[in-house]
Amino acid sequence: MRVIFTRIARRELEDAVRYYEAEYSGLGRRFKEEVRKAALRIAEHPQAWSMERGDVRKCLLHKFPYKLMYSVEEDHILVIAVAHQHRKPDYWIGRDET
């Protein structure tokens, strides 16, 4: 199944990549690769992760304190947020999904 990131989720991903890259050269690239691997796992097994709220599921990254918040749509998976696990846990609720 195809994975689509909302505009806001893509911006969150890019912001986190920039932050990690500024902390240590190459770390941003590693973070982006970890997000890519998580998206591939979700695409293969969309129902495998637990529900966070309503129809939104969460997939924790293995090596970084982030989670992908996503919903399973009829013909794709929509990533709503690339969220840090320890900051403002419910900030993404009610966000426009475009």
Protein backbone atom coordinates (compact mmCIF):
# COMPACT_ATOMS: atom_id res chain seq x y z
CA MET A 1 0.00 0.00 0.00
CA ARG A 2 1.21 3.50 -0.80
CA VAL A 3 2.29 5.79 2.08
CA ILE A 4 1.55 9.51 1.77
CA PHE A 5 2.83 12.17 4.18
CA THR A 6 0.68 15.23 4.78
CA ARG A 7 2.30 18.57 4.04
CA ILE A 8 2.70 19.24 7.77
CA ALA A 9 4.15 15.77 8.47
CA ARG A 10 6.66 16.25 5.64
CA ARG A 11 7.69 19.59 7.20
CA GLU A 12 8.10 17.90 10.60
CA LEU A 13 10.31 15.27 8.98
CA GLU A 14 12.45 17.91 7.27
CA ASP A 15 12.76 19.94 10.50
CA ALA A 16 13.90 16.87 12.44
CA VAL A 17 16.39 15.93 9.70
CA ARG A 18 17.86 19.47 9.83
CA TYR A 19 18.05 19.35 13.63
CA TYR A 20 19.84 15.99 13.72
CA GLU A 21 22.18 16.99 10.91
CA ALA A 22 23.14 20.15 12.84
CA GLU A 23 23.86 18.02 15.92
CA TYR A 24 26.09 15.55 14.10
CA SER A 25 26.97 15.20 10.43
CA GLY A 26 25.14 12.24 8.89
CA LEU A 27 22.67 11.84 11.76
CA GLY A 28 19.91 13.59 9.81
CA ARG A 29 20.40 11.16 6.95
CA ARG A 30 20.19 8.24 9.39
CA PHE A 31 16.97 9.64 10.86
CA LYS A 32 15.41 10.02 7.41
CA GLU A 33 16.40 6.42 6.57
CA GLU A 34 14.79 5.19 9.80
CA VAL A 35 11.56 7.00 8.88
CA ARG A 36 11.71 5.42 5.41
CA LYS A 37 12.11 1.93 6.92
CA ALA A 38 9.18 2.54 9.27
CA ALA A 39 7.01 3.69 6.35
CA LEU A 40 7.90 0.49 4.46
CA ARG A 41 6.95 -1.63 7.49
CA ILE A 42 3.65 0.22 7.76
CA ALA A 43 2.99 -0.26 4.03
CA GLU A 44 3.47 -4.02 4.36
CA HIS A 45 1.51 -4.44 7.62
CA PRO A 46 -0.70 -1.37 8.15
CA GLN A 47 -2.80 -2.93 10.92
CA ALA A 48 0.19 -4.14 12.97
CA TRP A 49 0.61 -1.09 15.21
CA SER A 50 -1.57 -0.03 18.09
CA MET A 51 -4.25 2.61 17.94
CA GLU A 52 -3.27 5.93 19.48
CA ARG A 53 -6.58 7.76 19.19
CA GLY A 54 -9.65 7.06 17.11
CA ASP A 55 -8.49 5.57 13.79
CA VAL A 56 -4.94 6.90 14.16
CA ARG A 57 -2.17 4.37 14.75
CA LYS A 58 1.40 4.90 15.93
CA CYS A 59 4.59 3.27 14.72
CA LEU A 60 7.60 3.87 16.94
CA LEU A 61 10.98 4.35 15.29
CA HIS A 62 13.66 1.95 16.49
CA LYS A 63 16.65 4.25 16.92
CA PHE A 64 15.13 7.70 17.49
CA PRO A 65 12.52 8.97 19.99
CA TYR A 66 9.91 9.58 17.26
CA LYS A 67 6.72 7.94 16.09
CA LEU A 68 4.79 8.06 12.85
CA MET A 69 1.12 8.82 13.45
CA TYR A 70 -0.93 7.44 10.57
CA SER A 71 -4.36 6.36 9.41
CA VAL A 72 -5.21 3.54 7.05
CA GLU A 73 -7.33 4.88 4.21
CA GLU A 74 -9.08 2.89 1.50
CA ASP A 75 -6.23 3.00 -1.03
CA HIS A 76 -3.28 4.48 0.90
CA ILE A 77 -1.77 5.15 4.30
CA LEU A 78 -1.76 8.76 5.46
CA VAL A 79 1.05 9.85 7.79
CA ILE A 80 -0.42 12.67 9.86
CA ALA A 81 2.58 13.45 12.05
CA VAL A 82 6.27 12.70 12.55
CA ALA A 83 6.04 13.22 16.29
CA HIS A 84 8.64 13.27 19.04
CA GLN A 85 7.56 10.73 21.66
CA HIS A 86 8.21 12.98 24.66
CA ARG A 87 7.04 16.42 23.55
CA LYS A 88 3.43 17.63 23.52
CA PRO A 89 1.97 14.16 23.05
CA ASP A 90 -1.40 15.16 21.56
CA TYR A 91 -0.43 18.25 19.54
CA TRP A 92 -1.43 16.62 16.25
CA ILE A 93 -5.06 15.99 17.21
CA GLY A 94 -7.49 18.00 15.11
CA ARG A 95 -4.86 18.90 12.54
CA ASP A 96 -5.92 19.40 8.92
CA GLU A 97 -4.91 16.26 6.99
CA THR A 98 -3.85 17.99 3.75
